[in-house]
Amino acid sequence: MYDTGGSFLRDPIDEVVKSFWWIIFEYHHFFSRFNEALLTCSFRYNRLREKISLFNHQVFRSPPIMALAMNPTSISLASRVGIT
């Protein structure tokens, strides 16, 4: 038999299938990286929020600040100084 060089001709359906799977792979790769970035940002945001909450709890629940909150005179003095 005579070889017509069919090895150089590409099957159009095979090319479409390869292209389809390549597109699926690329989208999966992109969205998995995007999802990973979102999770990282969310994790960092939550850690920052926890640190701020802990800081607020430690600072504003400390006895001197609570004493200022109980005494109206010290609140007005503190507001002049810029504490509240």
Protein backbone atom coordinates (compact mmCIF):
# COMPACT_ATOMS: atom_id res chain seq x y z
CA MET A 1 0.00 0.00 0.00
CA TYR A 2 1.02 3.48 -0.73
CA ASP A 3 1.42 5.86 2.28
CA THR A 4 -0.44 9.08 1.53
CA GLY A 5 1.15 10.93 4.42
CA GLY A 6 -1.94 10.67 6.54
CA SER A 7 0.21 11.00 9.62
CA PHE A 8 0.65 14.67 8.73
CA LEU A 9 -3.06 15.29 8.33
CA ARG A 10 -4.90 15.95 11.53
CA ASP A 11 -8.33 14.69 12.34
CA PRO A 12 -10.58 17.74 12.87
CA ILE A 13 -12.67 16.00 15.53
CA ASP A 14 -9.53 14.98 17.40
CA GLU A 15 -8.33 18.59 17.32
CA VAL A 16 -11.68 19.83 18.63
CA VAL A 17 -11.59 17.32 21.49
CA LYS A 18 -7.99 18.27 22.35
CA SER A 19 -8.89 21.95 22.26
CA PHE A 20 -11.94 21.35 24.43
CA TRP A 21 -9.92 19.52 27.10
CA TRP A 22 -7.18 22.13 26.95
CA ILE A 23 -9.74 24.89 27.56
CA ILE A 24 -11.25 22.93 30.46
CA PHE A 25 -7.79 22.42 31.93
CA GLU A 26 -6.89 26.11 31.62
CA TYR A 27 -10.16 27.28 33.18
CA HIS A 28 -9.80 24.76 36.00
CA HIS A 29 -6.24 25.92 36.62
CA PHE A 30 -7.25 29.60 36.58
CA PHE A 31 -10.25 29.18 38.88
CA SER A 32 -8.39 26.95 41.31
CA ARG A 33 -5.67 29.62 41.64
CA PHE A 34 -8.33 32.33 41.91
CA ASN A 35 -10.14 30.36 44.61
CA GLU A 36 -6.85 29.84 46.46
CA ALA A 37 -6.19 33.59 46.36
CA LEU A 38 -9.67 34.34 47.68
CA LEU A 39 -9.24 31.87 50.53
CA THR A 40 -5.87 33.40 51.41
CA CYS A 41 -7.36 36.91 51.47
CA SER A 42 -10.31 35.71 53.53
CA PHE A 43 -7.99 33.96 56.01
CA ARG A 44 -5.82 37.07 56.35
CA TYR A 45 -8.88 39.29 56.78
CA ASN A 46 -10.27 37.03 59.50
CA ARG A 47 -6.92 36.95 61.33
CA LEU A 48 -6.68 40.74 61.16
CA ARG A 49 -10.24 41.07 62.43
CA GLU A 50 -9.45 38.73 65.33
CA LYS A 51 -6.32 40.72 66.22
CA ILE A 52 -8.27 44.01 66.16
CA SER A 53 -11.01 42.48 68.28
CA LEU A 54 -8.47 41.18 70.79
CA PHE A 55 -6.73 44.55 70.85
CA ASN A 56 -10.02 46.37 71.44
CA HIS A 57 -10.94 43.93 74.17
CA GLN A 58 -7.58 44.32 75.91
CA VAL A 59 -7.44 48.11 75.64
CA PHE A 60 -11.01 49.17 76.17
CA ARG A 61 -11.80 46.59 78.84
CA SER A 62 -8.78 47.47 80.94
CA PRO A 63 -9.50 48.92 84.42
CA PRO A 64 -8.40 52.54 83.71
CA ILE A 65 -10.68 52.79 80.68
CA MET A 66 -13.55 51.15 82.58
CA ALA A 67 -13.02 53.64 85.42
CA LEU A 68 -13.25 56.47 82.90
CA ALA A 69 -16.46 55.02 81.58
CA MET A 70 -18.02 54.92 85.07
CA ASN A 71 -17.23 58.52 86.00
CA PRO A 72 -18.89 61.28 83.91
CA THR A 73 -16.33 63.88 85.00
CA SER A 74 -13.42 61.78 83.88
CA ILE A 75 -15.20 61.14 80.57
CA SER A 76 -15.35 64.87 79.86
CA LEU A 77 -11.68 65.24 80.88
CA ALA A 78 -10.74 62.27 78.75
CA SER A 79 -12.59 63.69 75.77
CA ARG A 80 -10.59 66.91 76.09
CA VAL A 81 -7.36 64.95 76.09
CA GLY A 82 -8.53 62.80 73.19
CA ILE A 83 -8.84 59.41 74.86
CA THR A 84 -12.45 58.80 73.91
